[in-house]
N, C-alpha and C. Protein backbone atom coordinates (compact mmCIF):
# COMPACT_ATOMS: atom_id res chain seq x y z
N MET A 1 -74.43 33.30 28.08
CA MET A 1 -74.23 33.97 26.81
C MET A 1 -75.35 33.50 25.88
N SER A 2 -75.88 34.41 25.07
CA SER A 2 -76.95 34.09 24.12
C SER A 2 -76.58 34.55 22.73
N ASN A 3 -77.19 33.91 21.73
CA ASN A 3 -76.97 34.35 20.35
C ASN A 3 -78.02 35.39 19.96
N GLU A 4 -78.02 35.78 18.68
CA GLU A 4 -78.93 36.83 18.21
C GLU A 4 -80.39 36.42 18.26
N HIS A 5 -80.66 35.12 18.43
CA HIS A 5 -82.04 34.62 18.50
C HIS A 5 -82.46 34.33 19.94
N GLY A 6 -81.62 34.70 20.89
CA GLY A 6 -81.93 34.49 22.30
C GLY A 6 -81.63 33.08 22.79
N GLU A 7 -81.01 32.25 21.95
CA GLU A 7 -80.68 30.90 22.36
C GLU A 7 -79.45 30.91 23.26
N GLN A 8 -79.46 30.04 24.28
CA GLN A 8 -78.33 29.94 25.19
C GLN A 8 -77.13 29.33 24.45
N VAL A 9 -75.99 29.98 24.55
CA VAL A 9 -74.75 29.49 23.95
C VAL A 9 -73.82 29.10 25.09
N THR A 10 -73.36 27.86 25.08
CA THR A 10 -72.47 27.35 26.10
C THR A 10 -71.03 27.77 25.84
N PHE A 11 -70.65 27.76 24.56
CA PHE A 11 -69.28 28.05 24.16
C PHE A 11 -69.27 28.50 22.71
N GLN A 12 -68.32 29.39 22.39
CA GLN A 12 -68.18 29.83 21.00
C GLN A 12 -66.73 30.18 20.73
N GLU A 13 -66.24 29.77 19.54
CA GLU A 13 -64.88 30.09 19.14
C GLU A 13 -64.85 30.26 17.62
N THR A 14 -64.14 31.28 17.17
CA THR A 14 -63.98 31.53 15.73
C THR A 14 -62.50 31.50 15.40
N ARG A 15 -62.17 30.80 14.31
CA ARG A 15 -60.78 30.69 13.88
C ARG A 15 -60.67 31.03 12.39
N GLN A 16 -59.54 31.59 12.01
CA GLN A 16 -59.26 31.98 10.62
C GLN A 16 -58.52 30.87 9.88
N VAL A 17 -58.85 30.71 8.61
CA VAL A 17 -58.13 29.78 7.74
C VAL A 17 -57.61 30.60 6.56
N GLU A 18 -56.32 30.45 6.29
CA GLU A 18 -55.71 31.18 5.20
C GLU A 18 -55.68 30.34 3.92
N GLN A 19 -55.80 31.01 2.80
CA GLN A 19 -55.73 30.35 1.51
C GLN A 19 -54.39 29.63 1.36
N GLY A 20 -54.43 28.38 0.93
CA GLY A 20 -53.22 27.63 0.63
C GLY A 20 -52.37 27.24 1.82
N ASP A 21 -52.86 27.39 3.04
CA ASP A 21 -52.05 27.09 4.22
C ASP A 21 -52.15 25.61 4.57
N PHE A 22 -51.40 24.79 3.82
CA PHE A 22 -51.43 23.35 4.05
C PHE A 22 -50.49 22.94 5.18
N ALA A 23 -49.58 23.81 5.58
CA ALA A 23 -48.64 23.50 6.66
C ALA A 23 -49.37 23.33 7.99
N THR A 24 -50.44 24.09 8.19
CA THR A 24 -51.19 24.00 9.45
C THR A 24 -52.57 23.38 9.24
N ALA A 25 -52.85 22.88 8.05
CA ALA A 25 -54.17 22.31 7.75
C ALA A 25 -54.50 21.19 8.73
N GLY A 26 -55.65 21.28 9.33
CA GLY A 26 -56.10 20.29 10.30
C GLY A 26 -55.95 20.72 11.74
N GLN A 27 -55.18 21.77 11.99
CA GLN A 27 -54.97 22.20 13.37
C GLN A 27 -56.24 22.78 14.01
N ILE A 28 -57.04 23.47 13.23
CA ILE A 28 -58.28 24.03 13.78
C ILE A 28 -59.23 22.89 14.13
N ALA A 29 -59.37 21.92 13.23
CA ALA A 29 -60.22 20.76 13.50
C ALA A 29 -59.76 20.05 14.77
N ALA A 30 -58.45 19.89 14.95
CA ALA A 30 -57.91 19.24 16.14
C ALA A 30 -58.20 20.06 17.39
N SER A 31 -58.10 21.37 17.27
CA SER A 31 -58.40 22.26 18.40
C SER A 31 -59.87 22.16 18.80
N PHE A 32 -60.75 22.15 17.80
CA PHE A 32 -62.18 22.00 18.08
C PHE A 32 -62.45 20.65 18.76
N LYS A 33 -61.79 19.61 18.29
CA LYS A 33 -61.96 18.27 18.86
C LYS A 33 -61.55 18.27 20.33
N ASN A 34 -60.41 18.88 20.64
CA ASN A 34 -59.94 18.94 22.04
C ASN A 34 -60.90 19.74 22.91
N THR A 35 -61.43 20.83 22.38
CA THR A 35 -62.40 21.64 23.13
C THR A 35 -63.64 20.81 23.46
N LEU A 36 -64.15 20.10 22.47
CA LEU A 36 -65.34 19.28 22.67
C LEU A 36 -65.09 18.18 23.70
N LYS A 37 -63.90 17.58 23.69
CA LYS A 37 -63.54 16.56 24.69
C LYS A 37 -63.57 17.16 26.08
N LYS A 38 -62.94 18.34 26.23
CA LYS A 38 -62.89 19.01 27.54
C LYS A 38 -64.28 19.36 28.05
N LEU A 39 -65.20 19.65 27.13
CA LEU A 39 -66.55 20.02 27.53
C LEU A 39 -67.46 18.81 27.72
N GLY A 40 -66.91 17.62 27.52
CA GLY A 40 -67.66 16.40 27.81
C GLY A 40 -68.63 15.95 26.74
N VAL A 41 -68.44 16.39 25.51
CA VAL A 41 -69.31 15.95 24.41
C VAL A 41 -69.00 14.47 24.13
N ALA A 42 -70.04 13.71 23.81
CA ALA A 42 -69.90 12.28 23.56
C ALA A 42 -68.96 12.00 22.39
N SER A 43 -68.16 10.94 22.53
CA SER A 43 -67.16 10.59 21.52
C SER A 43 -67.71 10.42 20.11
N PRO A 44 -68.86 9.74 19.91
CA PRO A 44 -69.38 9.60 18.55
C PRO A 44 -69.72 10.94 17.89
N VAL A 45 -70.19 11.88 18.68
CA VAL A 45 -70.51 13.22 18.16
C VAL A 45 -69.20 13.96 17.85
N ILE A 46 -68.23 13.86 18.73
CA ILE A 46 -66.93 14.50 18.50
C ILE A 46 -66.32 13.98 17.21
N ARG A 47 -66.41 12.69 16.97
CA ARG A 47 -65.82 12.10 15.76
C ARG A 47 -66.44 12.71 14.51
N ARG A 48 -67.77 12.83 14.49
CA ARG A 48 -68.44 13.40 13.32
C ARG A 48 -68.07 14.86 13.11
N ILE A 49 -67.99 15.62 14.20
CA ILE A 49 -67.61 17.03 14.11
C ILE A 49 -66.16 17.17 13.66
N ALA A 50 -65.29 16.31 14.17
CA ALA A 50 -63.87 16.36 13.79
C ALA A 50 -63.70 16.10 12.29
N ILE A 51 -64.42 15.12 11.76
CA ILE A 51 -64.34 14.83 10.32
C ILE A 51 -64.85 16.01 9.51
N ALA A 52 -66.04 16.51 9.88
CA ALA A 52 -66.64 17.62 9.12
C ALA A 52 -65.79 18.88 9.20
N SER A 53 -65.24 19.17 10.38
CA SER A 53 -64.44 20.39 10.51
C SER A 53 -63.11 20.26 9.76
N TYR A 54 -62.52 19.06 9.74
CA TYR A 54 -61.30 18.85 8.97
C TYR A 54 -61.58 19.06 7.48
N GLU A 55 -62.64 18.46 6.98
CA GLU A 55 -62.99 18.60 5.56
C GLU A 55 -63.24 20.06 5.22
N ALA A 56 -63.93 20.78 6.09
CA ALA A 56 -64.20 22.20 5.86
C ALA A 56 -62.90 23.01 5.84
N GLU A 57 -62.03 22.72 6.79
CA GLU A 57 -60.76 23.44 6.89
C GLU A 57 -59.91 23.23 5.62
N ILE A 58 -59.84 22.00 5.16
CA ILE A 58 -59.09 21.70 3.95
C ILE A 58 -59.72 22.40 2.75
N ASN A 59 -61.04 22.36 2.65
CA ASN A 59 -61.71 23.03 1.53
C ASN A 59 -61.44 24.53 1.53
N LEU A 60 -61.41 25.14 2.70
CA LEU A 60 -61.09 26.57 2.77
C LEU A 60 -59.68 26.83 2.25
N ALA A 61 -58.73 25.99 2.66
CA ALA A 61 -57.35 26.17 2.21
C ALA A 61 -57.21 25.96 0.71
N ILE A 62 -57.94 24.99 0.17
CA ILE A 62 -57.82 24.65 -1.25
C ILE A 62 -58.56 25.64 -2.14
N HIS A 63 -59.81 25.90 -1.82
CA HIS A 63 -60.71 26.54 -2.78
C HIS A 63 -61.03 28.01 -2.53
N SER A 64 -60.74 28.51 -1.35
CA SER A 64 -61.16 29.89 -1.05
C SER A 64 -59.98 30.84 -1.03
N TRP A 65 -60.29 32.09 -0.82
CA TRP A 65 -59.26 33.12 -0.63
C TRP A 65 -59.12 33.42 0.85
N GLY A 66 -59.51 32.46 1.68
CA GLY A 66 -59.47 32.60 3.13
C GLY A 66 -60.88 32.61 3.69
N GLY A 67 -60.97 32.29 4.98
CA GLY A 67 -62.30 32.27 5.59
C GLY A 67 -62.24 32.01 7.07
N THR A 68 -63.41 31.75 7.64
CA THR A 68 -63.52 31.51 9.07
C THR A 68 -64.29 30.22 9.34
N MET A 69 -63.96 29.63 10.48
CA MET A 69 -64.71 28.49 11.00
C MET A 69 -65.13 28.88 12.41
N ARG A 70 -66.42 28.72 12.68
CA ARG A 70 -66.93 29.07 14.01
C ARG A 70 -67.62 27.87 14.62
N LEU A 71 -67.19 27.51 15.81
CA LEU A 71 -67.77 26.43 16.59
C LEU A 71 -68.67 27.06 17.65
N ILE A 72 -69.93 26.68 17.65
CA ILE A 72 -70.88 27.21 18.63
C ILE A 72 -71.54 26.02 19.31
N ILE A 73 -71.50 26.01 20.62
CA ILE A 73 -72.08 24.91 21.38
C ILE A 73 -73.30 25.41 22.13
N TYR A 74 -74.43 24.76 21.85
CA TYR A 74 -75.71 25.03 22.52
C TYR A 74 -75.98 23.85 23.45
N PRO A 75 -76.94 23.97 24.33
CA PRO A 75 -77.24 22.84 25.22
C PRO A 75 -77.65 21.56 24.48
N ASP A 76 -78.26 21.70 23.30
CA ASP A 76 -78.79 20.52 22.60
C ASP A 76 -78.06 20.16 21.30
N ARG A 77 -77.09 20.99 20.88
CA ARG A 77 -76.42 20.73 19.61
C ARG A 77 -75.12 21.53 19.52
N VAL A 78 -74.30 21.13 18.55
CA VAL A 78 -73.10 21.88 18.20
C VAL A 78 -73.31 22.36 16.78
N ARG A 79 -73.00 23.61 16.53
CA ARG A 79 -73.11 24.17 15.18
C ARG A 79 -71.72 24.55 14.70
N LEU A 80 -71.42 24.19 13.47
CA LEU A 80 -70.18 24.57 12.81
C LEU A 80 -70.55 25.46 11.63
N LEU A 81 -70.07 26.70 11.67
CA LEU A 81 -70.33 27.66 10.59
C LEU A 81 -69.02 27.90 9.85
N VAL A 82 -69.07 27.77 8.55
CA VAL A 82 -67.89 27.94 7.71
C VAL A 82 -68.23 29.00 6.67
N ASP A 83 -67.46 30.08 6.66
CA ASP A 83 -67.69 31.18 5.71
C ASP A 83 -66.38 31.51 5.03
N ASP A 84 -66.44 31.63 3.70
CA ASP A 84 -65.22 32.00 3.01
C ASP A 84 -65.43 33.18 2.08
N VAL A 85 -64.30 33.76 1.74
CA VAL A 85 -64.25 34.75 0.68
C VAL A 85 -63.64 33.99 -0.48
N GLY A 86 -64.26 34.03 -1.60
CA GLY A 86 -63.68 33.24 -2.66
C GLY A 86 -64.49 33.25 -3.92
N PRO A 87 -64.15 32.36 -4.77
CA PRO A 87 -64.80 32.35 -6.07
C PRO A 87 -66.24 31.88 -6.02
N GLY A 88 -66.64 31.21 -4.93
CA GLY A 88 -67.97 30.62 -4.87
C GLY A 88 -67.99 29.30 -5.60
N ILE A 89 -69.11 28.62 -5.52
CA ILE A 89 -69.27 27.31 -6.14
C ILE A 89 -70.25 27.45 -7.29
N GLU A 90 -69.78 27.13 -8.47
CA GLU A 90 -70.60 27.30 -9.67
C GLU A 90 -71.79 26.35 -9.70
N ASN A 91 -71.58 25.09 -9.30
CA ASN A 91 -72.65 24.10 -9.35
C ASN A 91 -72.61 23.29 -8.05
N ILE A 92 -73.46 23.65 -7.10
CA ILE A 92 -73.45 23.00 -5.78
C ILE A 92 -73.81 21.52 -5.90
N ASP A 93 -74.77 21.17 -6.74
CA ASP A 93 -75.15 19.76 -6.91
C ASP A 93 -73.96 18.93 -7.36
N LEU A 94 -73.20 19.45 -8.30
CA LEU A 94 -72.01 18.75 -8.79
C LEU A 94 -70.95 18.66 -7.69
N ALA A 95 -70.76 19.75 -6.95
CA ALA A 95 -69.78 19.77 -5.87
C ALA A 95 -70.11 18.78 -4.75
N MET A 96 -71.38 18.44 -4.61
CA MET A 96 -71.82 17.49 -3.59
C MET A 96 -71.65 16.04 -4.02
N GLN A 97 -71.28 15.80 -5.26
CA GLN A 97 -71.09 14.43 -5.74
C GLN A 97 -69.73 13.89 -5.29
N GLU A 98 -69.75 12.67 -4.75
CA GLU A 98 -68.51 12.04 -4.31
C GLU A 98 -67.54 11.92 -5.48
N GLY A 99 -66.31 12.33 -5.26
CA GLY A 99 -65.27 12.21 -6.27
C GLY A 99 -65.12 13.41 -7.18
N TYR A 100 -66.09 14.34 -7.15
CA TYR A 100 -65.98 15.53 -7.99
C TYR A 100 -65.06 16.53 -7.29
N SER A 101 -64.10 17.06 -8.01
CA SER A 101 -63.16 18.02 -7.42
C SER A 101 -62.67 19.01 -8.47
N THR A 102 -62.50 20.23 -8.02
CA THR A 102 -61.89 21.25 -8.87
C THR A 102 -60.48 21.60 -8.37
N ALA A 103 -59.95 20.75 -7.48
CA ALA A 103 -58.61 20.99 -6.94
C ALA A 103 -57.56 20.89 -8.05
N SER A 104 -56.54 21.72 -7.93
CA SER A 104 -55.46 21.73 -8.92
C SER A 104 -54.62 20.46 -8.79
N GLU A 105 -53.85 20.18 -9.82
CA GLU A 105 -52.94 19.03 -9.79
C GLU A 105 -51.93 19.17 -8.66
N GLU A 106 -51.48 20.40 -8.41
CA GLU A 106 -50.53 20.66 -7.32
C GLU A 106 -51.13 20.26 -5.98
N VAL A 107 -52.38 20.62 -5.75
CA VAL A 107 -53.07 20.28 -4.50
C VAL A 107 -53.24 18.76 -4.40
N ARG A 108 -53.58 18.12 -5.50
CA ARG A 108 -53.74 16.67 -5.50
C ARG A 108 -52.42 15.96 -5.21
N MET A 109 -51.32 16.53 -5.68
CA MET A 109 -50.00 15.95 -5.41
C MET A 109 -49.66 16.02 -3.91
N LEU A 110 -50.28 16.95 -3.20
CA LEU A 110 -50.09 17.07 -1.75
C LEU A 110 -50.97 16.08 -0.98
N GLY A 111 -51.85 15.38 -1.71
CA GLY A 111 -52.72 14.39 -1.07
C GLY A 111 -54.10 14.90 -0.74
N PHE A 112 -54.45 16.07 -1.24
CA PHE A 112 -55.76 16.64 -0.99
C PHE A 112 -56.56 16.68 -2.29
N GLY A 113 -57.84 17.06 -2.19
CA GLY A 113 -58.63 17.28 -3.40
C GLY A 113 -59.24 16.05 -4.02
N ALA A 114 -59.60 15.06 -3.19
CA ALA A 114 -60.17 13.82 -3.71
C ALA A 114 -61.66 13.93 -4.03
N GLY A 115 -62.25 15.07 -3.68
CA GLY A 115 -63.67 15.25 -3.98
C GLY A 115 -64.60 14.63 -2.96
N MET A 116 -64.14 14.43 -1.74
CA MET A 116 -64.97 13.83 -0.70
C MET A 116 -65.35 14.83 0.41
N GLY A 117 -64.78 16.04 0.35
CA GLY A 117 -65.00 17.00 1.43
C GLY A 117 -66.45 17.34 1.68
N MET A 118 -67.13 17.83 0.66
CA MET A 118 -68.53 18.25 0.83
C MET A 118 -69.44 17.06 1.16
N PRO A 119 -69.32 15.93 0.44
CA PRO A 119 -70.16 14.79 0.81
C PRO A 119 -69.91 14.31 2.24
N ASN A 120 -68.65 14.30 2.67
CA ASN A 120 -68.35 13.89 4.05
C ASN A 120 -68.94 14.85 5.07
N MET A 121 -68.87 16.15 4.79
CA MET A 121 -69.47 17.12 5.71
C MET A 121 -70.96 16.85 5.87
N LYS A 122 -71.63 16.69 4.75
CA LYS A 122 -73.09 16.46 4.79
C LYS A 122 -73.41 15.15 5.50
N ARG A 123 -72.64 14.10 5.21
CA ARG A 123 -72.88 12.78 5.81
C ARG A 123 -72.72 12.83 7.33
N CYS A 124 -71.77 13.60 7.82
CA CYS A 124 -71.49 13.66 9.26
C CYS A 124 -72.48 14.52 10.04
N ALA A 125 -73.06 15.50 9.39
CA ALA A 125 -73.93 16.46 10.08
C ALA A 125 -75.37 15.96 10.16
N ASP A 126 -76.07 16.37 11.22
CA ASP A 126 -77.50 16.09 11.34
C ASP A 126 -78.31 17.08 10.51
N ALA A 127 -77.76 18.26 10.29
CA ALA A 127 -78.38 19.27 9.41
C ALA A 127 -77.25 19.95 8.66
N PHE A 128 -77.45 20.16 7.37
CA PHE A 128 -76.41 20.73 6.50
C PHE A 128 -77.06 21.72 5.55
N LYS A 129 -76.50 22.92 5.50
CA LYS A 129 -77.02 23.95 4.60
C LYS A 129 -75.83 24.65 3.95
N ILE A 130 -75.94 24.85 2.64
CA ILE A 130 -74.86 25.53 1.91
C ILE A 130 -75.47 26.60 1.01
N GLU A 131 -74.80 27.74 1.01
CA GLU A 131 -75.17 28.84 0.12
C GLU A 131 -73.89 29.37 -0.50
N SER A 132 -73.94 29.66 -1.80
CA SER A 132 -72.75 30.16 -2.47
C SER A 132 -73.14 31.19 -3.52
N VAL A 133 -72.35 32.24 -3.60
CA VAL A 133 -72.54 33.29 -4.60
C VAL A 133 -71.24 33.42 -5.37
N LEU A 134 -71.32 33.23 -6.68
CA LEU A 134 -70.12 33.34 -7.51
C LEU A 134 -69.47 34.71 -7.34
N GLY A 135 -68.17 34.72 -7.17
CA GLY A 135 -67.42 35.95 -6.99
C GLY A 135 -67.44 36.49 -5.58
N LYS A 136 -68.24 35.92 -4.69
CA LYS A 136 -68.35 36.43 -3.32
C LYS A 136 -67.85 35.42 -2.30
N GLY A 137 -68.39 34.19 -2.37
CA GLY A 137 -67.98 33.19 -1.40
C GLY A 137 -69.06 32.19 -1.08
N THR A 138 -68.76 31.36 -0.10
CA THR A 138 -69.63 30.25 0.28
C THR A 138 -69.81 30.23 1.79
N SER A 139 -71.02 29.89 2.22
CA SER A 139 -71.33 29.73 3.64
C SER A 139 -71.94 28.35 3.84
N ILE A 140 -71.44 27.64 4.83
CA ILE A 140 -71.94 26.32 5.17
C ILE A 140 -72.29 26.32 6.65
N SER A 141 -73.45 25.78 6.95
CA SER A 141 -73.89 25.61 8.34
C SER A 141 -74.15 24.12 8.57
N MET A 142 -73.55 23.59 9.62
CA MET A 142 -73.75 22.19 9.97
C MET A 142 -74.13 22.10 11.45
N ASP A 143 -75.17 21.33 11.74
CA ASP A 143 -75.59 21.07 13.11
C ASP A 143 -75.36 19.61 13.45
N PHE A 144 -74.94 19.38 14.70
CA PHE A 144 -74.68 18.04 15.21
C PHE A 144 -75.45 17.94 16.52
N ASN A 145 -76.43 17.05 16.58
CA ASN A 145 -77.25 16.91 17.77
C ASN A 145 -76.46 16.24 18.90
N LEU A 146 -76.68 16.73 20.11
CA LEU A 146 -76.01 16.15 21.28
C LEU A 146 -76.89 15.09 21.92
């Protein structure tokens, strides 16, 4: 299987995340982790992907109107693509600061919204790219070298 750029793709899976779905939050990240284990990806790489995918999944539930997470495995790297429909991010630089959060008090009472999601995603990834358009949504691409 190949992608649109002719690169060999070993595996690909796309999953939906619903707005406010805290009951199942983390299940997609756990599923991705199990898939990576079955495919023989090294444990340190799996750990970084698991953290980044969990943070992304929680952010989708908290801040978006729903979105998708796509895991793509290439021979030399794993790519995690996160796309949402939502309000977008007004100030990406601010959102990347540890401890900054726009989560509601209700979300914080559930134990989420500490403002570490975006910084943790970037810290775990070997390559991190974010684009956001107000009123449209946000796209994040993270690569993890194998």
